[in-house]
Amino acid sequence: MLSQIYIENIAVIEKSDIRFPTGFVALTGETGAGKSILIDAINAVLGERISKDIIRAGADSAFVSAVFEDVPQITVNALKAFDIAPEEDGTLLIQRGIVRDGRSNIKLNGKPATISILREVGRTLINMHGQHENQALLHVENHLHYLDKLADKGDLLEEYGACYGDFRKKEQELAKLKLNEEEKQRRIDVLEYQVNEISSASLREGEAAELGQRREYLANAELIGSCLQLSRLSLYGDEDTTGALALLHMALDKLGEAAGAYSELNALNERFSELVYGVEDVSEELRSSAELADYSPQELDSIEQRLDLISKIVKKYGGSEQAALEYLVKAEEELEGLQNAEAQAEKLQAELAALLSTCEERAVQLSQVRREAVKIFAGRVRSELTFLDMPNVRLAVSFRRTELTAKGWDAVEFLISANPGEEPKSIAKIASGGELSRIMLAIKNVLAEKDEIATLIFDEVDAGISGRAAFKVGKKLSEVSRSRQVICVTHLAQIAAQADSQLLIEKHVEEGRTYTEVKPLEGEAREREIARIIGGDMITEATLTSAREMLVRT
């Protein structure tokens, strides 16, 4: 349950530390005092989107934190998915800072988290019921959701959804195959041309780089050959000259004779001998290189043509040899698919028929479960409405079969008969604002049995009602609070008086600045607030007496 919320620099709330008791908590205060701001702050720690304009004027940032005690298992599971855990005593601290550029700084029990993680966890902590949810009853598409929640067959709905998803995917695959013949033939012609163009080029990864190196050599082959020839001539000599290699050997022979006569020259002789042998090795490599220097001018032309072809193919099909080869594989697969479309279509058609049959079987099961749930649902809602001073209102559920959708083939609409003898009609055509509030409260109470969430917040659930009906709504909220925490923003004394505790949201002005405070009410202070709600700003002995009677009676 929500035990504490701390708010700083949110709208007219500069700083406020609010403690929430267990049971039924009423939030009251004059219109404009800041009740909606408190709800906005709670929504902020639940991960809802909030505007940067919520930051108090003159402040650079806002901050809100909330402490939840004895968090339910559904919350523990949600936290575990993000490697977060509540404290050993079951406490969870949520902190959210907001700056003017819209960024949020979020922590769950001190661990940084994203807004999506906070929203996922927040959904397990509080159920927020506002006036806009009453309007949700007017949207027929929501009615099936309410019924499915009561039926509690999420596994069946999930199985059906998976089957329907596969069915739609197969439908799309089949639609792609069933292109009109002219379009299909155009695509085949394009693919055949592309496959032939790439295949005939006989691409090989790395070929362009190898050819580039060979082209560089051939472009300078004449110069390379001339230099190699002169180097070889210098080493080996010719008929008229003695080469450097012969002279080196003569020098080595003479140094060897000298070393034989004078041993001190042996080391020098060995070093010179290694040098001469090294020159001989270079001479052999030079001889081989000179032999390789031979080339054909036609080879350069051939390489240029090959490189032009590779460049053309690569530029058209991905920018590299590897990309062009990968495109070839994909084009061949698509071409084969189109050429074998008829056989593939027959196969897909058979798979589609099997999936359709499975979807229909599960849709039938869903319909049966829903029709069984309707009997329970209508009876329980009617019982709740009777308690809420609407004994003559009868809820009926209309079923209509549709084409298969992601939710089955049932179209469901809630109908009500407001008076005996009247046929049930659409809620949107019959229900008033007050009736909508009570019908929604009745539905929420019925669905609450399937809900693990420990805290319910009702934001002005009393809209459009008064008198006896308001008293009954307060009584129902009090009943619900026996098994969970109920926090209710209300303008009605009949509801506020039945709360286990009451918080006053009060606004005042100091030195030209507006401030909102939230404080608990007890004893005489609570009596005066109930009296204010009854009679307005003029609190009289009569209104105080009525307030005391309400508090005693409840």
Protein backbone atom coordinates (compact mmCIF):
# COMPACT_ATOMS: atom_id res chain seq x y z
CA MET A 1 0.00 0.00 0.00
CA LEU A 2 1.01 3.66 -0.42
CA SER A 3 2.25 4.86 2.96
CA GLN A 4 4.01 8.13 2.17
CA ILE A 5 4.56 10.59 -0.64
CA TYR A 6 6.97 13.54 -0.64
CA ILE A 7 6.44 16.36 -3.15
CA GLU A 8 8.79 19.22 -3.95
CA ASN A 9 8.24 22.07 -6.44
CA ILE A 10 5.27 20.59 -8.23
CA ALA A 11 2.86 23.36 -9.31
CA VAL A 12 1.61 25.18 -6.19
CA ILE A 13 3.08 22.56 -3.83
CA GLU A 14 6.49 23.83 -2.69
CA LYS A 15 7.14 21.02 -0.20
CA SER A 16 4.77 18.48 1.27
CA ASP A 17 5.33 15.24 3.14
CA ILE A 18 2.06 13.26 3.17
CA ARG A 19 1.40 10.09 5.18
CA PHE A 20 -1.39 7.79 4.02
CA PRO A 21 -3.02 5.50 6.60
CA THR A 22 -4.50 2.12 5.81
CA GLY A 23 -8.19 1.66 5.06
CA PHE A 24 -10.41 4.32 3.50
CA VAL A 25 -8.73 7.74 3.11
CA ALA A 26 -10.73 10.77 1.93
CA LEU A 27 -9.01 13.76 0.27
CA THR A 28 -11.04 16.95 0.48
CA GLY A 29 -10.53 20.66 -0.06
CA GLU A 30 -11.93 23.62 -1.92
CA THR A 31 -12.01 23.61 -5.71
CA GLY A 32 -8.59 24.67 -7.01
CA ALA A 33 -6.80 23.85 -3.77
CA GLY A 34 -4.53 21.33 -5.50
CA LYS A 35 -6.24 17.92 -5.33
CA SER A 36 -5.55 17.29 -9.02
CA ILE A 37 -1.90 18.25 -8.45
CA LEU A 38 -1.59 15.58 -5.79
CA ILE A 39 -3.05 13.05 -8.22
CA ASP A 40 -0.53 14.26 -10.86
CA ALA A 41 2.31 13.71 -8.37
CA ILE A 42 1.10 10.17 -7.67
CA ASN A 43 0.87 9.52 -11.41
CA ALA A 44 4.47 10.76 -11.73
CA VAL A 45 5.80 8.05 -9.39
CA LEU A 46 3.74 5.48 -11.32
CA GLY A 47 5.62 6.32 -14.52
CA GLU A 48 2.93 8.31 -16.29
CA ARG A 49 3.91 11.09 -18.68
CA ILE A 50 3.91 14.55 -17.12
CA SER A 51 4.57 17.97 -18.61
CA LYS A 52 7.63 20.01 -17.65
CA ASP A 53 5.14 22.83 -17.00
CA ILE A 54 4.25 21.03 -13.76
CA ILE A 55 7.51 22.37 -12.23
CA ARG A 56 6.78 25.20 -9.80
CA ALA A 57 7.39 28.71 -11.16
CA GLY A 58 10.89 29.90 -10.26
CA ALA A 59 12.24 26.37 -9.70
CA ASP A 60 14.61 24.55 -12.05
CA SER A 61 13.43 21.06 -11.13
CA ALA A 62 10.78 19.09 -9.26
CA PHE A 63 10.97 15.94 -7.18
CA VAL A 64 8.49 13.37 -5.95
CA SER A 65 9.07 10.17 -4.00
CA ALA A 66 6.73 7.52 -2.66
CA VAL A 67 7.07 4.72 -0.13
CA PHE A 68 5.03 1.54 -0.61
CA GLU A 69 4.80 -1.00 2.19
CA ASP A 70 3.99 -4.71 1.98
CA VAL A 71 4.14 -4.68 -1.82
CA PRO A 72 2.11 -7.54 -3.39
CA GLN A 73 3.64 -10.50 -5.20
CA ILE A 74 2.66 -9.05 -8.57
CA THR A 75 4.97 -6.11 -7.81
CA VAL A 76 7.77 -8.39 -6.58
CA ASN A 77 7.58 -10.28 -9.89
CA ALA A 78 7.65 -7.05 -11.91
CA LEU A 79 10.70 -5.80 -10.00
CA LYS A 80 12.48 -9.14 -10.37
CA ALA A 81 12.23 -8.87 -14.16
CA PHE A 82 14.46 -5.77 -13.92
CA ASP A 83 16.82 -7.18 -11.29
CA ILE A 84 15.33 -5.02 -8.53
CA ALA A 85 13.98 -6.23 -5.20
CA PRO A 86 11.96 -4.68 -2.38
CA GLU A 87 13.55 -4.31 1.05
CA GLU A 88 13.39 -7.29 3.41
CA ASP A 89 10.32 -5.77 5.11
CA GLY A 90 8.52 -5.49 1.75
CA THR A 91 9.13 -1.75 1.32
CA LEU A 92 9.68 -0.07 -2.05
CA LEU A 93 10.97 3.50 -2.42
CA ILE A 94 10.33 5.21 -5.76
CA GLN A 95 12.07 8.53 -6.52
CA ARG A 96 11.58 10.67 -9.60
CA GLY A 97 13.20 13.99 -10.37
CA ILE A 98 12.01 16.16 -13.26
CA VAL A 99 13.98 18.98 -14.90
CA ARG A 100 12.75 21.62 -17.32
CA ASP A 101 14.15 19.91 -20.41
CA GLY A 102 11.75 17.05 -19.74
CA ARG A 103 14.30 14.50 -18.53
CA SER A 104 13.58 12.32 -15.51
CA ASN A 105 15.96 10.91 -12.92
CA ILE A 106 14.33 7.72 -11.62
CA LYS A 107 15.37 5.33 -8.88
CA LEU A 108 13.67 2.25 -7.43
CA ASN A 109 15.11 1.34 -4.04
CA GLY A 110 18.17 3.38 -4.98
CA LYS A 111 18.72 1.61 -8.31
CA PRO A 112 18.51 3.75 -11.50
CA ALA A 113 15.58 2.88 -13.78
CA THR A 114 13.97 4.07 -17.01
CA ILE A 115 10.51 5.56 -17.39
CA SER A 116 9.29 2.36 -19.08
CA ILE A 117 10.49 0.25 -16.12
CA LEU A 118 8.77 2.62 -13.68
CA ARG A 119 5.54 2.46 -15.67
CA GLU A 120 5.65 -1.35 -15.72
CA VAL A 121 6.14 -1.52 -11.95
CA GLY A 122 3.68 1.31 -11.26
CA ARG A 123 0.83 -0.60 -12.89
CA THR A 124 1.15 -3.24 -10.18
CA LEU A 125 1.04 -0.77 -7.27
CA ILE A 126 -2.02 1.45 -7.75
CA ASN A 127 -5.24 1.30 -9.72
CA MET A 128 -6.22 4.86 -10.60
CA HIS A 129 -9.91 5.44 -11.32
CA GLY A 130 -10.69 8.90 -12.62
CA GLN A 131 -13.70 10.61 -14.18
CA HIS A 132 -12.36 9.79 -17.64
CA GLU A 133 -12.73 6.09 -16.82
CA ASN A 134 -16.47 6.59 -16.40
CA GLN A 135 -16.47 7.82 -19.99
CA ALA A 136 -14.68 4.60 -20.95
CA LEU A 137 -18.00 2.86 -20.37
CA LEU A 138 -19.38 4.80 -23.34
CA HIS A 139 -16.84 3.16 -25.65
CA VAL A 140 -18.17 -0.23 -26.66
CA GLU A 141 -14.70 -1.55 -27.53
CA ASN A 142 -13.83 -1.46 -23.79
CA HIS A 143 -16.70 -3.73 -22.78
CA LEU A 144 -15.04 -6.91 -24.03
CA HIS A 145 -11.94 -6.05 -21.97
CA TYR A 146 -14.01 -5.81 -18.77
CA LEU A 147 -15.68 -9.14 -19.48
CA ASP A 148 -12.40 -10.90 -20.26
CA LYS A 149 -10.90 -9.59 -17.04
CA LEU A 150 -13.70 -11.21 -15.03
CA ALA A 151 -13.53 -14.45 -17.03
CA ASP A 152 -9.82 -14.62 -16.09
CA LYS A 153 -8.87 -16.81 -19.03
CA GLY A 154 -5.77 -14.94 -20.08
CA ASP A 155 -4.01 -18.17 -21.08
CA LEU A 156 -6.79 -19.04 -23.56
CA LEU A 157 -6.82 -15.49 -24.92
CA GLU A 158 -3.04 -15.61 -25.28
CA GLU A 159 -3.18 -18.94 -27.14
CA TYR A 160 -5.83 -17.57 -29.46
CA GLY A 161 -3.82 -14.36 -30.01
CA ALA A 162 -0.72 -16.35 -30.97
CA CYS A 163 -2.73 -18.47 -33.41
CA TYR A 164 -4.41 -15.40 -34.91
CA GLY A 165 -1.01 -13.70 -35.30
CA ASP A 166 0.31 -16.72 -37.23
CA PHE A 167 -2.87 -16.73 -39.34
CA ARG A 168 -2.47 -13.06 -40.30
CA LYS A 169 1.21 -13.60 -41.11
CA LYS A 170 0.36 -16.47 -43.46
CA GLU A 171 -2.35 -14.32 -45.08
CA GLN A 172 0.24 -11.64 -45.81
CA GLU A 173 2.68 -14.19 -47.25
CA LEU A 174 -0.05 -15.54 -49.51
CA ALA A 175 -1.04 -12.04 -50.62
CA LYS A 176 2.55 -11.38 -51.67
CA LEU A 177 2.50 -14.51 -53.81
CA LYS A 178 -0.77 -13.56 -55.43
CA LEU A 179 0.56 -10.57 -57.29
CA ASN A 180 -1.21 -10.05 -60.58
CA GLU A 181 0.47 -11.98 -63.36
CA GLU A 182 1.69 -8.92 -65.24
CA GLU A 183 3.40 -7.49 -62.16
CA LYS A 184 4.82 -10.89 -61.24
CA GLN A 185 6.26 -11.36 -64.74
CA ARG A 186 7.85 -7.91 -64.65
CA ARG A 187 9.52 -8.81 -61.38
CA ILE A 188 10.72 -12.15 -62.79
CA ASP A 189 12.21 -10.36 -65.82
CA VAL A 190 14.09 -7.91 -63.58
CA LEU A 191 15.40 -10.66 -61.32
CA GLU A 192 16.49 -12.86 -64.25
CA TYR A 193 18.44 -9.94 -65.74
CA GLN A 194 20.10 -9.16 -62.40
CA VAL A 195 20.99 -12.78 -61.65
CA ASN A 196 22.46 -13.22 -65.14
CA GLU A 197 24.41 -9.96 -64.92
CA ILE A 198 26.01 -10.80 -61.58
CA SER A 199 26.55 -14.49 -62.34
CA SER A 200 28.20 -13.84 -65.70
CA ALA A 201 30.66 -11.51 -64.03
CA SER A 202 31.97 -14.47 -61.96
CA LEU A 203 32.81 -12.22 -59.03
CA ARG A 204 35.30 -13.32 -56.40
CA GLU A 205 35.90 -11.52 -53.11
CA GLY A 206 39.29 -9.74 -53.13
CA GLU A 207 39.73 -9.99 -56.90
CA ALA A 208 39.59 -6.23 -57.48
CA ALA A 209 42.33 -5.63 -54.91
CA GLU A 210 44.58 -8.29 -56.52
CA LEU A 211 44.00 -6.89 -60.00
CA GLY A 212 44.72 -3.38 -58.74
CA GLN A 213 48.12 -4.47 -57.52
CA ARG A 214 48.89 -6.21 -60.82
CA ARG A 215 47.75 -3.13 -62.78
CA GLU A 216 50.09 -0.94 -60.74
CA TYR A 217 53.01 -3.24 -61.61
CA LEU A 218 52.15 -3.42 -65.31
CA ALA A 219 51.76 0.35 -65.57
CA ASN A 220 55.44 0.66 -64.50
CA ALA A 221 56.73 -2.57 -66.06
CA GLU A 222 59.03 -0.90 -68.62
CA LEU A 223 60.81 1.16 -65.97
CA ILE A 224 61.02 -1.82 -63.61
CA GLY A 225 62.46 -4.06 -66.35
CA SER A 226 65.08 -1.49 -67.38
CA CYS A 227 66.25 -0.96 -63.81
CA LEU A 228 66.43 -4.69 -63.12
CA GLN A 229 68.46 -5.23 -66.33
CA LEU A 230 71.00 -2.55 -65.37
CA SER A 231 71.28 -3.95 -61.85
CA ARG A 232 71.89 -7.42 -63.25
CA LEU A 233 74.50 -6.10 -65.69
CA SER A 234 76.30 -4.28 -62.90
CA LEU A 235 76.54 -7.48 -60.89
CA TYR A 236 77.33 -9.99 -63.64
CA GLY A 237 79.08 -7.82 -66.27
CA ASP A 238 79.21 -8.62 -70.02
CA GLU A 239 81.78 -9.44 -72.73
CA ASP A 240 83.49 -6.09 -72.32
CA THR A 241 83.21 -5.46 -68.58
CA THR A 242 83.75 -7.36 -65.37
CA GLY A 243 80.74 -7.39 -63.04
CA ALA A 244 80.78 -6.39 -59.38
CA LEU A 245 80.16 -10.00 -58.28
CA ALA A 246 83.37 -11.23 -60.02
CA LEU A 247 85.38 -8.40 -58.50
CA LEU A 248 84.05 -9.23 -55.04
CA HIS A 249 85.14 -12.85 -55.42
CA MET A 250 88.62 -11.71 -56.52
CA ALA A 251 88.83 -9.47 -53.46
CA LEU A 252 87.66 -12.35 -51.24
CA ASP A 253 90.34 -14.67 -52.70
CA LYS A 254 93.11 -12.13 -52.03
CA LEU A 255 91.86 -11.44 -48.49
CA GLY A 256 91.83 -15.21 -47.88
CA GLU A 257 95.51 -15.48 -48.96
CA ALA A 258 96.39 -12.62 -46.62
CA ALA A 259 94.50 -14.23 -43.74
CA GLY A 260 96.42 -17.46 -44.34
CA ALA A 261 99.63 -15.51 -43.88
CA TYR A 262 98.40 -13.34 -41.00
CA SER A 263 95.82 -14.88 -38.62
CA GLU A 264 94.69 -11.49 -37.31
CA LEU A 265 92.82 -11.02 -40.62
CA ASN A 266 90.66 -14.17 -40.16
CA ALA A 267 87.77 -12.28 -38.52
CA LEU A 268 87.77 -9.69 -41.29
CA ASN A 269 87.91 -12.43 -43.89
CA GLU A 270 84.84 -14.16 -42.36
CA ARG A 271 82.83 -10.92 -42.27
CA PHE A 272 83.73 -10.14 -45.89
CA SER A 273 82.89 -13.72 -46.90
CA GLU A 274 79.35 -13.38 -45.40
CA LEU A 275 78.92 -10.09 -47.27
CA VAL A 276 79.88 -11.67 -50.61
CA TYR A 277 77.56 -14.64 -50.09
CA GLY A 278 74.76 -12.17 -49.25
CA VAL A 279 75.36 -10.35 -52.52
CA GLU A 280 75.20 -13.72 -54.31
CA ASP A 281 71.74 -14.38 -52.78
CA VAL A 282 70.52 -10.95 -53.88
CA SER A 283 71.95 -11.65 -57.35
CA GLU A 284 69.90 -14.86 -57.65
CA GLU A 285 66.69 -13.09 -56.59
CA LEU A 286 67.48 -10.30 -59.03
CA ARG A 287 67.93 -12.88 -61.81
CA SER A 288 64.45 -14.34 -61.02
CA SER A 289 62.83 -10.89 -60.85
CA ALA A 290 64.33 -9.94 -64.15
CA GLU A 291 62.81 -13.05 -65.72
CA LEU A 292 59.38 -12.11 -64.27
CA ALA A 293 59.61 -8.60 -65.65
CA ASP A 294 58.47 -9.87 -69.02
CA TYR A 295 54.84 -8.86 -69.74
CA SER A 296 52.34 -8.50 -72.50
CA PRO A 297 50.71 -5.09 -73.21
CA GLN A 298 47.47 -6.97 -73.86
CA GLU A 299 47.44 -8.11 -70.21
CA LEU A 300 47.07 -4.51 -68.99
CA ASP A 301 44.12 -3.95 -71.31
CA SER A 302 42.53 -7.14 -70.08
CA ILE A 303 42.92 -6.11 -66.42
CA GLU A 304 41.45 -2.65 -67.10
CA GLN A 305 38.40 -4.22 -68.74
CA ARG A 306 37.94 -6.66 -65.85
CA LEU A 307 38.20 -3.90 -63.24
CA ASP A 308 35.65 -1.80 -65.16
CA LEU A 309 33.21 -4.73 -65.15
CA ILE A 310 33.71 -5.39 -61.41
CA SER A 311 33.23 -1.67 -60.64
CA LYS A 312 29.99 -1.54 -62.64
CA ILE A 313 28.52 -4.61 -60.89
CA VAL A 314 29.61 -3.50 -57.43
CA LYS A 315 28.20 0.01 -57.90
CA LYS A 316 24.79 -1.41 -58.88
CA TYR A 317 24.52 -4.11 -56.24
CA GLY A 318 25.69 -2.90 -52.87
CA GLY A 319 29.10 -1.22 -53.07
CA SER A 320 31.37 -4.24 -52.56
CA GLU A 321 32.02 -7.66 -54.06
CA GLN A 322 30.62 -9.32 -50.92
CA ALA A 323 27.43 -7.21 -51.05
CA ALA A 324 26.93 -8.01 -54.75
CA LEU A 325 27.34 -11.75 -54.09
CA GLU A 326 24.85 -11.55 -51.18
CA TYR A 327 22.39 -9.72 -53.44
CA LEU A 328 22.81 -12.51 -55.99
CA VAL A 329 21.82 -15.13 -53.39
CA LYS A 330 18.71 -13.16 -52.37
CA ALA A 331 17.71 -12.48 -55.98
CA GLU A 332 18.05 -16.18 -56.85
CA GLU A 333 15.90 -17.13 -53.85
CA GLU A 334 13.20 -14.57 -54.74
CA LEU A 335 13.29 -15.63 -58.37
CA GLU A 336 12.90 -19.27 -57.43
CA GLY A 337 10.03 -18.33 -55.15
CA LEU A 338 8.20 -16.44 -57.89
CA GLN A 339 8.81 -19.16 -60.43
CA ASN A 340 7.44 -21.72 -57.96
CA ALA A 341 4.68 -19.42 -56.67
CA GLU A 342 1.86 -21.74 -57.60
CA ALA A 343 3.26 -24.63 -55.58
CA GLN A 344 4.07 -22.31 -52.67
CA ALA A 345 0.59 -20.80 -52.84
CA GLU A 346 -0.98 -24.23 -52.53
CA LYS A 347 1.22 -25.01 -49.54
CA LEU A 348 0.44 -21.68 -47.85
CA GLN A 349 -3.26 -22.12 -48.59
CA ALA A 350 -3.23 -25.47 -46.79
CA GLU A 351 -1.34 -23.98 -43.82
CA LEU A 352 -3.75 -21.04 -43.76
CA ALA A 353 -6.78 -23.34 -43.71
CA ALA A 354 -5.31 -25.31 -40.79
CA LEU A 355 -4.59 -22.12 -38.83
CA LEU A 356 -8.08 -20.79 -39.56
CA SER A 357 -9.60 -23.98 -38.23
CA THR A 358 -7.51 -23.73 -35.04
CA CYS A 359 -8.38 -20.04 -34.59
CA GLU A 360 -12.09 -20.79 -34.99
CA GLU A 361 -11.91 -23.61 -32.45
CA ARG A 362 -10.28 -21.29 -29.92
CA ALA A 363 -12.69 -18.47 -30.77
CA VAL A 364 -15.56 -20.86 -29.96
CA GLN A 365 -13.90 -21.68 -26.62
CA LEU A 366 -13.46 -17.97 -25.88
CA SER A 367 -17.12 -17.29 -26.67
CA GLN A 368 -18.26 -20.09 -24.37
CA VAL A 369 -16.09 -18.81 -21.52
CA ARG A 370 -17.37 -15.27 -22.04
CA ARG A 371 -21.03 -16.32 -22.14
CA GLU A 372 -20.57 -18.22 -18.89
CA ALA A 373 -18.85 -15.19 -17.34
CA VAL A 374 -21.72 -12.92 -18.43
CA LYS A 375 -24.18 -14.71 -16.14
CA ILE A 376 -21.94 -14.15 -13.12
CA PHE A 377 -20.97 -10.65 -14.22
CA ALA A 378 -24.52 -9.36 -14.78
CA GLY A 379 -25.74 -10.82 -11.50
CA ARG A 380 -22.93 -9.35 -9.42
CA VAL A 381 -23.14 -5.94 -11.07
CA ARG A 382 -26.90 -5.86 -10.47
CA SER A 383 -26.32 -6.68 -6.80
CA GLU A 384 -23.77 -3.86 -6.54
CA LEU A 385 -26.11 -1.42 -8.28
CA THR A 386 -28.95 -2.33 -5.94
CA PHE A 387 -26.71 -1.47 -3.02
CA LEU A 388 -25.73 1.80 -4.74
CA ASP A 389 -29.39 2.88 -4.78
CA MET A 390 -30.07 1.78 -8.36
CA PRO A 391 -32.34 -1.24 -7.64
CA ASN A 392 -34.29 -0.99 -10.88
CA VAL A 393 -31.26 -0.86 -13.17
CA ARG A 394 -30.68 -4.12 -15.01
CA LEU A 395 -27.45 -4.86 -16.87
CA ALA A 396 -27.54 -7.04 -19.97
CA VAL A 397 -24.72 -8.02 -22.30
CA SER A 398 -25.23 -8.16 -26.05
CA PHE A 399 -23.16 -10.62 -28.08
CA ARG A 400 -22.62 -10.28 -31.82
CA ARG A 401 -20.40 -12.45 -33.97
CA THR A 402 -17.90 -10.66 -36.19
CA GLU A 403 -15.06 -11.59 -38.48
CA LEU A 404 -12.04 -12.97 -36.65
CA THR A 405 -10.05 -10.27 -34.87
CA ALA A 406 -7.14 -10.26 -32.43
CA LYS A 407 -9.68 -10.79 -29.60
CA GLY A 408 -11.77 -13.54 -31.20
CA TRP A 409 -15.04 -13.08 -33.06
CA ASP A 410 -17.18 -11.59 -30.30
CA ALA A 411 -18.47 -8.01 -30.29
CA VAL A 412 -19.75 -7.28 -26.77
CA GLU A 413 -21.81 -4.33 -25.56
CA PHE A 414 -23.19 -3.58 -22.10
CA LEU A 415 -26.85 -2.56 -22.15
CA ILE A 416 -28.92 -1.21 -19.28
CA SER A 417 -32.59 -0.99 -18.52
CA ALA A 418 -33.13 1.92 -16.12
CA ASN A 419 -36.76 1.09 -15.28
CA PRO A 420 -38.87 -2.06 -15.00
CA GLY A 421 -40.48 -3.08 -18.28
CA GLU A 422 -37.99 -1.17 -20.46
CA GLU A 423 -35.82 -3.02 -22.93
CA PRO A 424 -32.06 -2.75 -22.27
CA LYS A 425 -30.43 -0.06 -24.38
CA SER A 426 -26.93 1.27 -24.95
CA ILE A 427 -25.36 2.83 -21.85
CA ALA A 428 -24.37 5.88 -23.89
CA LYS A 429 -28.05 6.59 -24.71
CA ILE A 430 -29.48 6.14 -21.22
CA ALA A 431 -26.98 6.69 -18.40
CA SER A 432 -26.52 10.09 -16.78
CA GLY A 433 -23.21 11.27 -15.29
CA GLY A 434 -24.18 10.07 -11.82
CA GLU A 435 -25.38 6.73 -13.14
CA LEU A 436 -22.15 6.26 -15.07
CA SER A 437 -20.13 6.84 -11.89
CA ARG A 438 -22.08 4.23 -9.96
CA ILE A 439 -22.15 1.71 -12.83
CA MET A 440 -18.38 2.04 -13.19
CA LEU A 441 -17.92 1.67 -9.42
CA ALA A 442 -20.10 -1.45 -9.48
CA ILE A 443 -18.07 -2.95 -12.34
CA LYS A 444 -14.78 -2.08 -10.63
CA ASN A 445 -15.96 -3.74 -7.42
CA VAL A 446 -16.89 -6.91 -9.28
CA LEU A 447 -13.54 -6.96 -11.11
CA ALA A 448 -11.61 -6.19 -7.92
CA GLU A 449 -11.79 -9.86 -6.95
CA LYS A 450 -9.39 -10.59 -9.83
CA ASP A 451 -7.08 -7.73 -8.90
CA GLU A 452 -3.95 -8.16 -6.75
CA ILE A 453 -3.25 -4.41 -6.59
CA ALA A 454 -3.34 -3.20 -2.98
CA THR A 455 -4.21 0.48 -3.47
CA LEU A 456 -7.20 1.96 -5.31
CA ILE A 457 -7.46 5.70 -5.95
CA PHE A 458 -10.81 7.18 -6.97
CA ASP A 459 -10.59 10.69 -8.36
CA GLU A 460 -14.04 12.31 -7.95
CA VAL A 461 -16.02 9.10 -8.38
CA ASP A 462 -18.91 11.08 -6.87
CA ALA A 463 -19.44 13.21 -9.98
CA GLY A 464 -23.14 13.72 -10.71
CA ILE A 465 -24.53 12.11 -7.55
CA SER A 466 -25.76 13.35 -4.17
CA GLY A 467 -27.90 12.47 -1.17
CA ARG A 468 -28.72 8.82 -0.59
CA ALA A 469 -26.77 7.67 -3.65
CA ALA A 470 -23.65 9.45 -2.37
CA PHE A 471 -24.03 7.76 1.01
CA LYS A 472 -24.26 4.37 -0.67
CA VAL A 473 -21.14 5.08 -2.76
CA GLY A 474 -19.28 5.97 0.42
CA LYS A 475 -20.53 2.80 2.05
CA LYS A 476 -19.30 0.72 -0.90
CA LEU A 477 -15.87 2.38 -0.83
CA SER A 478 -15.71 1.63 2.89
CA GLU A 479 -16.50 -2.04 2.20
CA VAL A 480 -13.81 -2.25 -0.48
CA SER A 481 -11.27 -0.74 1.95
CA ARG A 482 -11.59 -3.77 4.23
CA SER A 483 -9.37 -5.77 1.87
CA ARG A 484 -7.25 -2.97 0.36
CA GLN A 485 -6.31 0.67 0.73
CA VAL A 486 -8.82 3.09 -0.82
CA ILE A 487 -7.94 6.76 -1.41
CA CYS A 488 -10.80 8.93 -2.68
CA VAL A 489 -10.86 12.55 -3.84
CA THR A 490 -14.37 13.76 -3.06
CA HIS A 491 -16.55 16.87 -2.78
CA LEU A 492 -19.36 15.11 -0.91
CA ALA A 493 -19.74 15.02 2.83
CA GLN A 494 -21.65 11.73 2.67
CA ILE A 495 -18.53 10.03 1.29
CA ALA A 496 -15.85 11.91 3.26
CA ALA A 497 -17.59 11.21 6.57
CA GLN A 498 -17.40 7.43 6.02
CA ALA A 499 -13.64 7.44 5.51
CA ASP A 500 -11.39 5.95 8.19
CA SER A 501 -9.21 9.05 7.89
CA GLN A 502 -9.36 12.38 6.10
CA LEU A 503 -6.69 14.63 4.57
CA LEU A 504 -7.34 18.30 3.83
CA ILE A 505 -5.76 19.90 0.78
CA GLU A 506 -5.57 23.61 1.51
CA LYS A 507 -4.24 26.58 -0.50
CA HIS A 508 -3.01 29.92 0.86
CA VAL A 509 -1.06 32.93 -0.43
CA GLU A 510 2.07 34.39 1.19
CA GLU A 511 3.95 37.39 -0.20
CA GLY A 512 2.34 37.01 -3.59
CA ARG A 513 3.14 33.26 -3.92
CA THR A 514 0.60 30.43 -3.77
CA TYR A 515 1.25 27.45 -1.50
CA THR A 516 -0.68 24.19 -1.06
CA GLU A 517 -0.47 22.05 2.06
CA VAL A 518 -1.88 18.62 2.87
CA LYS A 519 -2.65 17.88 6.51
CA PRO A 520 -4.55 15.17 8.38
CA LEU A 521 -7.84 16.09 10.03
CA GLU A 522 -9.06 14.81 13.37
CA GLY A 523 -11.70 15.73 15.91
CA GLU A 524 -13.05 19.28 15.65
CA ALA A 525 -10.95 20.08 12.55
CA ARG A 526 -12.54 17.20 10.67
CA GLU A 527 -16.01 18.25 11.85
CA ARG A 528 -15.43 21.78 10.47
CA GLU A 529 -14.25 20.44 7.09
CA ILE A 530 -17.31 18.20 6.79
CA ALA A 531 -19.46 21.21 7.73
CA ARG A 532 -17.75 23.31 5.05
CA ILE A 533 -18.50 20.66 2.45
CA ILE A 534 -22.15 20.63 3.54
CA GLY A 535 -22.78 24.36 3.68
CA GLY A 536 -19.91 26.16 1.99
CA ASP A 537 -17.72 28.81 3.61
CA MET A 538 -20.45 29.87 6.06
CA ILE A 539 -20.03 27.25 8.77
CA THR A 540 -22.99 27.36 11.14
CA GLU A 541 -23.98 25.43 14.21
CA ALA A 542 -26.50 23.58 12.04
CA THR A 543 -23.87 22.43 9.55
CA LEU A 544 -21.54 21.48 12.41
CA THR A 545 -24.33 19.43 13.98
CA SER A 546 -24.98 17.69 10.65
CA ALA A 547 -21.26 16.99 10.32
CA ARG A 548 -21.09 15.46 13.79
CA GLU A 549 -24.15 13.30 13.07
CA MET A 550 -22.58 12.05 9.83
CA LEU A 551 -19.32 11.17 11.54
CA VAL A 552 -21.10 9.42 14.41
CA ARG A 553 -23.47 7.55 12.11
CA THR A 554 -20.63 6.18 10.01
